[in-house]
Amino acid sequence: MIEEKSTSLPAGEELIEVFGARVHNLKNIDISIPKNQLVVITGISGSGKSSLAFDTIYAEGQRRYMESFGAYARQFIGDMERPDVDKITGLSPVISIEQKTTNRNPRSTVGTVTEVYDFLRLLYARIGQAFSYNTGRPMVKFSEEEIVTNIFQKFPNKKISVLSPLVRGRKGHYRELFEDIRKKGFVKVRVDGEIRDLVPKMQVDRYKIHDIEVVIDRLTVTAEMKTRVSQSVQTALNMGKGLMFLLINDDDKIVQYSKQLMCDETGISYEEPSPNSFSFNSPYGACPVCKGLGAVYRISLDAIIPDRKKSVNEGGIEPLGSERDAYTFTVVQKLARKNKFSLDAPIEDMPAKALNLILYGTTENTSEAILEIDESETANTNADYEGLIPMLKRWFGASSTDSLRLWVEKYMERFMRRGKAEEGKSLVPD
């Protein structure tokens, strides 16, 4: 039996009205359902809930949509039978999600199950407009002709240098790169903002970060030079893989041009939007922190140390367990001897530095606490202690077994991502 709760509807509100529904268990019922509201159909088993929702309202909406196709398309789809109902008014295009058991995939949403999300991603990729996250201004991209036109509009009669970026923010001596550029006939490069002549066996400090651009041409922007400017721009874009710089020699100003989407003020560039960019199931569009799930896991200190009155040897650090002949516990014991702290003292009485060493290891909070391991032992004599928390995070992120991930998850807390989620270096105050 279907009960309809009478509600006073505002005048003119749109309704889905069903008259004389007789599908399956329905006994010639009439019902009005308000649009743009969440409506729940309840009743005992066999009362006709699914018959009304799926076999009557959805079936008629689907049939009407199919009839809007041309005769040629309908011959491949086939005819759909009209449900046993006198009349239905107010129907809109319909979507139906059947009640069925699915796998527990946290990436499934109404949009992915109904495949509506695929069309939305395609729509955003094709008609979306990119904006700079720094300035909020629309991103722009130029063709070679537009770059040349822009140069003559903005910098007439200016002395310019056309640069092609080859190295951006990387370390190295680049001796081979300089030699290759010199063999191609170029005579100058711009290294870290300084124009330098190319000479044999030229190199830079390999331990410093460098920006290197090759000077394609140096000229004055005049009408007679338009062909030369066009050729230089083409060469710069080819060598710079779609990116080039313009150095205005009079005021030492750098202007960037790109064949990809870029911010003309800050110089950042984006790739062309694609459907993958709008998918939380794709590494190209998913958040790098939560991996597209909308929630992140963070180590919980209370779960790792539930009872601070216990000592480490008594199992006070739960993932480490109590004192036993295990590799990790042996390493912690050697760490304690090296740094002169006791594992028999209650955790609440341990120095903060000692507890941080156990939790975060020798490479995280201190540089001098390198383990001393006897040469007779089989452990790596050059290894630092990784730390319990980095070890748990590594197992949680890289483990291929569900059992290990579930074990690590006991020592983590889950929260919805609202911003940048990071853990501090130290969970224990000094």
Protein backbone atom coordinates (compact mmCIF):
# COMPACT_ATOMS: atom_id res chain seq x y z
CA MET A 1 0.00 0.00 0.00
CA ILE A 2 1.26 3.47 -0.82
CA GLU A 3 0.43 6.31 1.49
CA GLU A 4 0.66 9.87 0.26
CA LYS A 5 1.18 12.54 2.86
CA SER A 6 -0.94 15.54 2.04
CA THR A 7 1.05 18.76 1.96
CA SER A 8 0.01 22.26 1.09
CA LEU A 9 1.91 23.10 -2.07
CA PRO A 10 2.61 26.67 -3.17
CA ALA A 11 0.47 27.90 -6.01
CA GLY A 12 1.90 27.07 -9.39
CA GLU A 13 4.40 24.47 -8.13
CA GLU A 14 5.22 21.88 -10.77
CA LEU A 15 4.13 18.32 -10.14
CA ILE A 16 4.60 14.89 -11.62
CA GLU A 17 1.04 13.57 -11.78
CA VAL A 18 0.23 9.90 -12.34
CA PHE A 19 -3.33 8.82 -13.17
CA GLY A 20 -4.58 5.24 -13.22
CA ALA A 21 -1.34 3.35 -12.63
CA ARG A 22 -1.95 -0.41 -12.90
CA VAL A 23 1.56 -1.83 -13.30
CA HIS A 24 2.08 -5.08 -11.32
CA ASN A 25 0.65 -4.58 -7.81
CA LEU A 26 -0.65 -1.05 -8.38
CA LYS A 27 -4.44 -0.90 -8.26
CA ASN A 28 -5.41 2.01 -10.52
CA ILE A 29 -3.83 4.64 -8.26
CA ASP A 30 -3.51 8.38 -8.78
CA ILE A 31 -0.63 10.30 -7.19
CA SER A 32 0.97 13.76 -7.40
CA ILE A 33 4.70 14.13 -6.67
CA PRO A 34 6.27 17.63 -6.21
CA LYS A 35 9.30 18.43 -8.32
CA ASN A 36 12.64 19.78 -7.00
CA GLN A 37 12.17 18.00 -3.68
CA LEU A 38 13.45 14.77 -2.18
CA VAL A 39 10.48 12.39 -2.24
CA VAL A 40 10.62 9.00 -0.49
CA ILE A 41 8.20 6.19 -1.37
CA THR A 42 7.76 3.83 1.58
CA GLY A 43 5.70 0.74 2.23
CA ILE A 44 5.82 -2.94 3.05
CA SER A 45 7.24 -5.48 0.67
CA GLY A 46 4.95 -5.97 -2.33
CA SER A 47 3.10 -2.69 -1.92
CA GLY A 48 4.25 -1.43 -5.32
CA LYS A 49 7.10 0.98 -4.48
CA SER A 50 9.39 -0.20 -7.27
CA SER A 51 6.45 -0.61 -9.63
CA LEU A 52 5.61 3.06 -9.24
CA ALA A 53 9.16 4.46 -9.28
CA PHE A 54 10.91 2.23 -11.83
CA ASP A 55 8.26 0.46 -13.89
CA THR A 56 5.87 3.39 -14.25
CA ILE A 57 7.48 6.83 -13.85
CA TYR A 58 11.01 5.93 -15.02
CA ALA A 59 9.81 3.62 -17.80
CA GLU A 60 7.50 6.29 -19.24
CA GLY A 61 10.18 8.99 -19.02
CA GLN A 62 12.66 6.73 -20.81
CA ARG A 63 10.12 5.80 -23.49
CA ARG A 64 9.34 9.45 -24.22
CA TYR A 65 13.05 10.26 -24.48
CA MET A 66 13.59 7.41 -26.94
CA GLU A 67 10.68 8.58 -29.05
CA SER A 68 12.39 11.94 -29.49
CA PHE A 69 15.02 10.19 -31.63
CA GLY A 70 14.67 10.04 -35.37
CA ALA A 71 13.24 7.01 -37.15
CA TYR A 72 16.71 5.91 -38.25
CA ALA A 73 18.06 5.82 -34.68
CA ARG A 74 14.93 4.13 -33.29
CA GLN A 75 15.33 1.16 -35.62
CA PHE A 76 18.51 0.21 -33.74
CA ILE A 77 17.04 0.83 -30.28
CA GLY A 78 13.71 -0.90 -30.77
CA ASP A 79 10.31 0.06 -29.45
CA MET A 80 9.65 0.39 -25.73
CA GLU A 81 6.35 -0.74 -24.31
CA ARG A 82 4.18 1.89 -22.67
CA PRO A 83 3.52 1.18 -18.98
CA ASP A 84 -0.05 0.36 -17.95
CA VAL A 85 -1.13 3.85 -16.88
CA ASP A 86 -3.82 6.25 -18.06
CA LYS A 87 -1.73 9.41 -18.09
CA ILE A 88 1.48 10.92 -16.65
CA THR A 89 2.13 14.66 -16.77
CA GLY A 90 5.08 16.83 -15.72
CA LEU A 91 7.79 14.30 -16.58
CA SER A 92 11.37 15.50 -17.07
CA PRO A 93 14.38 13.54 -18.44
CA VAL A 94 14.94 10.68 -16.00
CA ILE A 95 17.88 8.91 -14.40
CA SER A 96 17.46 5.67 -12.50
CA ILE A 97 19.89 4.03 -10.08
CA GLU A 98 18.70 0.56 -9.21
CA GLN A 99 19.01 -0.89 -5.76
CA LYS A 100 21.83 -3.37 -6.08
CA THR A 101 24.87 -4.58 -4.19
CA THR A 102 28.06 -2.92 -5.44
CA ASN A 103 31.64 -3.21 -4.36
CA ARG A 104 32.76 -0.89 -1.59
CA ASN A 105 34.59 1.53 -3.83
CA PRO A 106 35.02 4.94 -2.17
CA ARG A 107 35.52 6.50 -5.61
CA SER A 108 31.97 5.67 -6.75
CA THR A 109 29.46 8.52 -6.67
CA VAL A 110 26.05 9.09 -8.20
CA GLY A 111 27.83 10.87 -11.04
CA THR A 112 30.18 7.98 -11.82
CA VAL A 113 27.59 5.22 -11.44
CA THR A 114 25.18 6.95 -13.84
CA GLU A 115 28.07 8.02 -16.13
CA VAL A 116 26.84 11.62 -16.02
CA TYR A 117 30.24 12.61 -14.69
CA ASP A 118 31.91 11.53 -17.97
CA PHE A 119 29.83 14.07 -19.89
CA LEU A 120 30.51 16.80 -17.33
CA ARG A 121 34.27 16.23 -17.58
CA LEU A 122 34.09 16.47 -21.36
CA LEU A 123 31.99 19.63 -21.11
CA TYR A 124 34.44 21.34 -18.72
CA ALA A 125 37.43 20.34 -20.86
CA ARG A 126 35.93 21.77 -24.05
CA ILE A 127 34.25 24.99 -22.92
CA GLY A 128 36.08 25.72 -19.65
CA GLN A 129 38.30 28.79 -19.37
CA ALA A 130 41.55 28.57 -17.38
CA PHE A 131 42.45 31.26 -14.85
CA SER A 132 45.73 31.92 -13.07
CA TYR A 133 45.64 30.79 -9.44
CA ASN A 134 48.08 33.61 -8.60
CA THR A 135 46.37 36.62 -10.15
CA GLY A 136 42.87 35.39 -10.98
CA ARG A 137 43.28 36.62 -14.55
CA PRO A 138 42.39 34.49 -17.61
CA MET A 139 45.23 32.41 -19.01
CA VAL A 140 46.33 33.21 -22.55
CA LYS A 141 48.18 31.38 -25.30
CA PHE A 142 49.76 32.69 -28.46
CA SER A 143 50.50 31.38 -31.91
CA GLU A 144 53.77 32.37 -33.58
CA GLU A 145 52.00 35.06 -35.60
CA GLU A 146 50.31 36.47 -32.49
CA ILE A 147 53.63 36.62 -30.64
CA VAL A 148 55.23 38.58 -33.46
CA THR A 149 52.24 40.94 -33.65
CA ASN A 150 52.31 41.43 -29.86
CA ILE A 151 56.03 42.25 -29.93
CA PHE A 152 55.56 44.96 -32.56
CA GLN A 153 52.56 46.40 -30.71
CA LYS A 154 54.18 46.55 -27.26
CA PHE A 155 57.85 47.17 -28.00
CA PRO A 156 58.23 49.28 -31.17
CA ASN A 157 61.77 50.57 -31.75
CA LYS A 158 62.99 48.76 -28.63
CA LYS A 159 66.24 46.79 -28.47
CA ILE A 160 65.36 43.21 -27.58
CA SER A 161 67.00 39.84 -27.13
CA VAL A 162 65.06 36.72 -28.09
CA LEU A 163 65.78 33.94 -25.58
CA SER A 164 64.91 30.26 -25.58
CA PRO A 165 64.84 28.63 -22.10
CA LEU A 166 66.70 25.32 -21.89
CA VAL A 167 67.21 24.89 -18.14
CA ARG A 168 64.82 26.14 -15.46
CA GLY A 169 65.66 25.72 -11.78
CA ARG A 170 67.93 22.66 -11.99
CA LYS A 171 71.40 21.79 -10.73
CA GLY A 172 74.30 20.65 -12.91
CA HIS A 173 77.44 21.84 -14.69
CA TYR A 174 75.84 21.60 -18.20
CA ARG A 175 79.19 21.41 -19.95
CA GLU A 176 77.74 19.18 -22.68
CA LEU A 177 74.75 21.50 -23.15
CA PHE A 178 76.96 24.57 -23.65
CA GLU A 179 79.12 22.67 -26.13
CA ASP A 180 76.06 21.51 -28.09
CA ILE A 181 74.69 25.08 -28.23
CA ARG A 182 78.06 26.40 -29.41
CA LYS A 183 78.25 23.80 -32.20
CA LYS A 184 74.83 24.94 -33.45
CA GLY A 185 76.28 28.39 -34.10
CA PHE A 186 75.00 30.38 -31.12
CA VAL A 187 77.47 32.71 -29.43
CA LYS A 188 75.75 33.90 -26.24
CA VAL A 189 73.73 32.45 -23.38
CA ARG A 190 71.94 33.98 -20.42
CA VAL A 191 72.94 32.19 -17.21
CA ASP A 192 71.09 33.15 -14.02
CA GLY A 193 70.16 36.55 -15.44
CA GLU A 194 73.64 37.35 -16.87
CA ILE A 195 74.44 37.42 -20.60
CA ARG A 196 77.69 35.49 -21.19
CA ASP A 197 79.74 34.54 -24.24
CA LEU A 198 79.90 30.87 -25.15
CA VAL A 199 83.46 29.58 -24.89
CA PRO A 200 84.93 26.08 -25.22
CA LYS A 201 84.68 23.88 -22.08
CA MET A 202 82.27 26.32 -20.48
CA GLN A 203 80.43 25.07 -17.38
CA VAL A 204 78.68 26.33 -14.24
CA ASP A 205 78.66 25.28 -10.60
CA ARG A 206 77.08 21.84 -10.52
CA TYR A 207 75.81 22.23 -6.94
CA LYS A 208 73.81 25.41 -7.54
CA ILE A 209 70.39 25.82 -9.13
CA HIS A 210 70.57 27.49 -12.54
CA ASP A 211 68.35 29.07 -15.19
CA ILE A 212 69.90 28.92 -18.66
CA GLU A 213 68.57 30.50 -21.86
CA VAL A 214 70.25 30.59 -25.23
CA VAL A 215 70.29 33.99 -26.95
CA ILE A 216 68.65 33.36 -30.33
CA ASP A 217 68.95 36.93 -31.65
CA ARG A 218 69.58 40.54 -30.59
CA LEU A 219 67.88 43.20 -32.66
CA THR A 220 65.74 46.34 -32.75
CA VAL A 221 61.98 46.06 -33.31
CA THR A 222 61.49 47.95 -36.55
CA ALA A 223 59.37 47.29 -39.64
CA GLU A 224 62.47 46.25 -41.60
CA MET A 225 63.18 43.52 -39.05
CA LYS A 226 59.76 41.85 -39.11
CA THR A 227 60.91 38.82 -41.10
CA ARG A 228 63.97 38.40 -38.87
CA VAL A 229 61.84 38.71 -35.71
CA SER A 230 59.44 36.08 -37.06
CA GLN A 231 62.29 33.65 -37.80
CA SER A 232 63.88 34.22 -34.39
CA VAL A 233 60.56 33.64 -32.60
CA GLN A 234 60.05 30.41 -34.51
CA THR A 235 63.54 29.17 -33.60
CA ALA A 236 63.11 30.15 -29.93
CA LEU A 237 59.77 28.34 -29.63
CA ASN A 238 61.17 25.19 -31.26
CA MET A 239 64.18 25.05 -28.94
CA GLY A 240 62.16 26.06 -25.87
CA LYS A 241 59.38 23.52 -26.54
CA GLY A 242 56.69 26.14 -26.97
CA LEU A 243 58.10 28.69 -24.50
CA MET A 244 60.27 31.75 -25.16
CA PHE A 245 61.46 34.86 -23.30
CA LEU A 246 61.86 38.38 -24.59
CA LEU A 247 64.54 40.48 -22.87
CA ILE A 248 63.95 44.23 -23.23
CA ASN A 249 67.54 45.46 -23.16
CA ASP A 250 66.77 49.08 -22.18
CA ASP A 251 65.17 48.24 -18.82
CA ASP A 252 66.31 44.60 -18.40
CA LYS A 253 62.69 43.42 -18.37
CA ILE A 254 61.71 39.83 -19.16
CA VAL A 255 58.47 39.03 -21.02
CA GLN A 256 57.30 35.44 -21.46
CA TYR A 257 55.40 34.01 -24.39
CA SER A 258 54.01 30.49 -24.64
CA LYS A 259 52.09 28.42 -27.14
CA GLN A 260 50.45 26.75 -24.13
CA LEU A 261 48.09 28.34 -21.61
CA MET A 262 50.04 30.79 -19.49
CA CYS A 263 49.63 33.76 -17.17
CA ASP A 264 51.19 36.75 -18.92
CA GLU A 265 51.86 38.43 -15.56
CA THR A 266 53.49 35.67 -13.47
CA GLY A 267 54.65 33.35 -16.26
CA ILE A 268 53.10 30.15 -14.92
CA SER A 269 51.66 27.87 -17.59
CA TYR A 270 49.04 25.13 -17.66
CA GLU A 271 48.49 22.22 -19.97
CA GLU A 272 45.43 22.29 -22.21
CA PRO A 273 42.35 21.15 -20.26
CA SER A 274 41.46 17.52 -20.86
CA PRO A 275 38.74 15.28 -19.39
CA ASN A 276 41.36 13.63 -17.16
CA SER A 277 42.08 17.01 -15.56
CA PHE A 278 38.57 17.00 -14.06
CA SER A 279 38.56 13.40 -12.83
CA PHE A 280 39.23 12.60 -9.19
CA ASN A 281 39.94 9.03 -10.34
CA SER A 282 42.84 10.14 -12.55
CA PRO A 283 46.28 11.14 -11.21
CA TYR A 284 46.14 14.15 -13.56
CA GLY A 285 43.06 15.57 -11.85
CA ALA A 286 43.13 14.07 -8.37
CA CYS A 287 44.36 15.96 -5.33
CA PRO A 288 47.95 14.79 -4.68
CA VAL A 289 47.30 14.65 -0.92
CA CYS A 290 43.97 12.81 -0.63
CA LYS A 291 44.32 11.01 -4.01
CA GLY A 292 40.85 12.16 -5.01
CA LEU A 293 39.01 10.59 -2.05
CA GLY A 294 38.31 13.86 -0.24
CA ALA A 295 39.72 12.56 3.03
CA VAL A 296 43.22 12.08 4.39
CA TYR A 297 44.68 9.86 7.04
CA ARG A 298 47.00 11.25 9.66
CA ILE A 299 49.02 9.48 12.33
CA SER A 300 47.31 9.66 15.72
CA LEU A 301 49.71 10.02 18.64
CA ASP A 302 47.01 8.88 21.07
CA ALA A 303 46.59 5.64 19.14
CA ILE A 304 50.35 5.03 19.03
CA ILE A 305 50.85 5.80 22.73
CA PRO A 306 47.55 4.95 24.47
CA ASP A 307 49.10 4.74 27.96
CA ARG A 308 51.96 7.12 28.76
CA LYS A 309 52.51 5.51 32.14
CA LYS A 310 54.01 2.44 30.46
CA SER A 311 57.62 2.29 29.36
CA VAL A 312 58.78 1.47 25.84
CA ASN A 313 59.94 -1.97 27.00
CA GLU A 314 56.47 -2.61 28.48
CA GLY A 315 54.79 -1.91 25.15
CA GLY A 316 53.95 1.74 25.73
CA ILE A 317 54.45 2.43 22.01
CA GLU A 318 51.82 0.05 20.68
CA PRO A 319 53.01 -0.50 17.07
CA LEU A 320 56.50 -1.25 18.42
CA GLY A 321 55.20 -3.78 20.92
CA SER A 322 56.89 -4.92 24.10
CA GLU A 323 60.55 -5.83 24.46
CA ARG A 324 61.45 -8.77 22.23
CA ASP A 325 64.09 -10.06 19.84
CA ALA A 326 62.90 -8.19 16.73
CA TYR A 327 64.95 -6.10 14.30
CA THR A 328 63.09 -2.80 14.82
CA PHE A 329 63.14 -3.13 18.60
CA THR A 330 66.86 -3.97 18.50
CA VAL A 331 67.53 -0.82 16.48
CA VAL A 332 65.55 1.26 19.01
CA GLN A 333 67.62 -0.22 21.85
CA LYS A 334 70.85 0.76 20.09
CA LEU A 335 69.41 4.23 19.49
CA ALA A 336 68.72 4.53 23.23
CA ARG A 337 72.27 3.49 24.15
CA LYS A 338 73.77 5.90 21.62
CA ASN A 339 71.72 8.87 22.91
CA LYS A 340 71.82 7.82 26.58
CA PHE A 341 68.14 7.47 27.45
CA SER A 342 66.31 4.59 29.12
CA LEU A 343 63.56 2.47 27.63
CA ASP A 344 62.47 1.34 31.12
CA ALA A 345 61.28 4.78 32.21
CA PRO A 346 57.58 5.67 31.76
CA ILE A 347 56.98 7.42 28.47
CA GLU A 348 55.56 10.46 30.26
CA ASP A 349 58.95 10.89 31.99
CA MET A 350 61.09 10.47 28.86
CA PRO A 351 62.79 13.57 27.37
CA ALA A 352 60.90 14.96 24.39
CA LYS A 353 64.02 14.67 22.23
CA ALA A 354 64.35 10.97 23.03
CA LEU A 355 60.71 10.24 22.19
CA ASN A 356 60.98 12.22 18.94
CA LEU A 357 64.01 10.15 17.98
CA ILE A 358 61.98 6.95 18.36
CA LEU A 359 58.96 8.33 16.55
CA TYR A 360 60.67 10.26 13.74
CA GLY A 361 64.12 8.75 13.51
CA THR A 362 67.62 10.12 13.28
CA THR A 363 67.19 11.89 9.94
CA GLU A 364 64.10 13.87 10.90
CA ASN A 365 64.84 15.79 14.10
CA THR A 366 68.57 15.47 14.62
CA SER A 367 71.60 15.05 12.41
CA GLU A 368 74.14 13.75 14.87
CA ALA A 369 72.25 10.77 16.31
CA ILE A 370 73.59 8.20 13.83
CA LEU A 371 73.28 4.62 15.00
CA GLU A 372 76.36 2.75 16.16
CA ILE A 373 75.97 -0.86 15.06
CA ASP A 374 78.69 -3.40 15.67
CA GLU A 375 80.52 -4.62 12.60
CA SER A 376 79.77 -8.20 13.65
CA GLU A 377 76.07 -7.62 13.19
CA THR A 378 74.31 -8.06 9.87
CA ALA A 379 72.48 -4.72 9.91
CA ASN A 380 73.49 -1.93 7.57
CA THR A 381 76.27 -0.05 9.38
CA ASN A 382 75.64 3.17 7.42
CA ALA A 383 71.87 3.31 7.87
CA ASP A 384 70.02 5.93 9.87
CA TYR A 385 66.98 4.90 11.88
CA GLU A 386 63.89 5.68 9.77
CA GLY A 387 61.57 6.32 12.68
CA LEU A 388 58.31 4.64 13.63
CA ILE A 389 55.93 7.25 12.17
CA PRO A 390 57.69 7.54 8.77
CA MET A 391 57.74 3.74 8.67
CA LEU A 392 53.97 3.52 9.30
CA LYS A 393 53.27 6.18 6.67
CA ARG A 394 55.43 4.35 4.15
CA TRP A 395 53.66 1.05 4.79
CA PHE A 396 50.25 2.70 4.55
CA GLY A 397 51.03 4.41 1.24
CA ALA A 398 53.09 1.76 -0.50
CA SER A 399 51.83 -1.55 0.86
CA SER A 400 50.27 -3.95 -1.63
CA THR A 401 48.52 -6.02 1.05
CA ASP A 402 45.21 -5.00 2.61
CA SER A 403 46.07 -6.65 5.91
CA LEU A 404 49.11 -4.43 6.47
CA ARG A 405 47.20 -1.28 5.48
CA LEU A 406 44.37 -2.18 7.86
CA TRP A 407 46.89 -2.75 10.66
CA VAL A 408 48.52 0.66 10.07
CA GLU A 409 45.09 2.29 9.81
CA LYS A 410 44.49 1.46 13.48
CA TYR A 411 47.09 4.10 14.35
CA MET A 412 45.70 6.80 12.07
CA GLU A 413 42.77 9.20 12.12
CA ARG A 414 40.64 10.08 9.10
CA PHE A 415 39.35 13.57 8.43
CA MET A 416 37.81 15.37 5.49
CA ARG A 417 40.26 17.51 3.57
CA ARG A 418 39.55 21.22 3.87
CA GLY A 419 42.99 22.65 3.10
CA LYS A 420 46.65 21.83 3.23
CA ALA A 421 47.05 18.85 5.56
CA GLU A 422 50.51 18.34 6.84
CA GLU A 423 51.99 16.84 9.92
CA GLY A 424 54.54 18.77 11.85
CA LYS A 425 58.04 17.50 12.31
CA SER A 426 57.45 16.77 15.94
CA LEU A 427 54.36 15.45 17.65
CA VAL A 428 56.05 15.81 21.00
CA PRO A 429 56.65 19.35 22.31
CA ASP A 430 60.17 20.18 23.38
